[in-house]
Amino acid sequence: MKKVLLVKGGWDGHQPNEVADVFKVMLKDAGFITDISDNLEVFSDLDYLKSLDLIVPIWTMGAIKNELVHNVMEAVAGGTGLAGCHGGMCDAFRDSTEWQFMTGGQWVSHPGGDVVEYMVNITNNSSIITEGIKDFKIVSEQYYLHTDPCIEVLASTRFPSVVWYNSTNGFVDMPVLWTKRWGHGRVFYSSLGHHADVFDIKEAYATMKRGLLWAADGKRIAIENNLTADEFSNNKKMF
């Protein structure tokens, strides 16, 4: 059976316990064995991380030791999937540029707070994550992020919805759902999920569940093809 680690904590405003409960149900239905930790030190065991099919961070803000981030980076590079949502993954550790590089983006603002009505526009219907999903409306925080140019954008939202200092730049389309590769690992992110009830919206639930499963399946491919993180190792300065 496939194994997943949910790591929950950080700022309580993003309901890490409730979001973990939603993800646990998603993954249980797909046949996963689920481990749950409320301590970042779980990342200290690299062999354990490498044994997982998927790591799901649910940890807004806070701080993390560099060696723990490097262990996650190494495990994901070897095929372990990484997937998460909202601030739980892309506003997790603001001081860690390594984490931001791996995940593909970092939150910087949510103009209007958590009562903004906006559209999520599907931009890639060919992905199995968004196949059959149509554009949908949501009332929640609309995340403005700094993103990696190499991400594959699956859905976006248009800014500005609320007049603020950035409005004079005109309209921009901001990624909402994306995928990325980190070594042989698959990375998935959804900016939805300010509160757990966002996943009561069927499209938000479906894309999140599919994204989790897509990220986890990279481990199977790595094993079948004898792929490891070793090929990415070198002694040059990267950070």
Foldseek 3Di string as FASTA:
>chain_A
DAEEEEEFDADCLLPRVLQVVLVVVLVVVVPYDYHYHPDLCVLVDLVVLLRHLEYEFQAAEDADDPNSLVSNLQSQLLFRFYEYEARRQQRHYVVDVSSCVVQFKHFDDFPPAFFFKWKKQFDDCPDPLCPPPHIDIDGTGDTDIDGDPQKDAGIWTKDDSDDDPCCVVPIDTGGAWTWDGRNLFIHIYGNDRSYNCSCVPPSVVSSRSVRRVVRSCSNVVSVVVVGHSVVVDDDDDDD
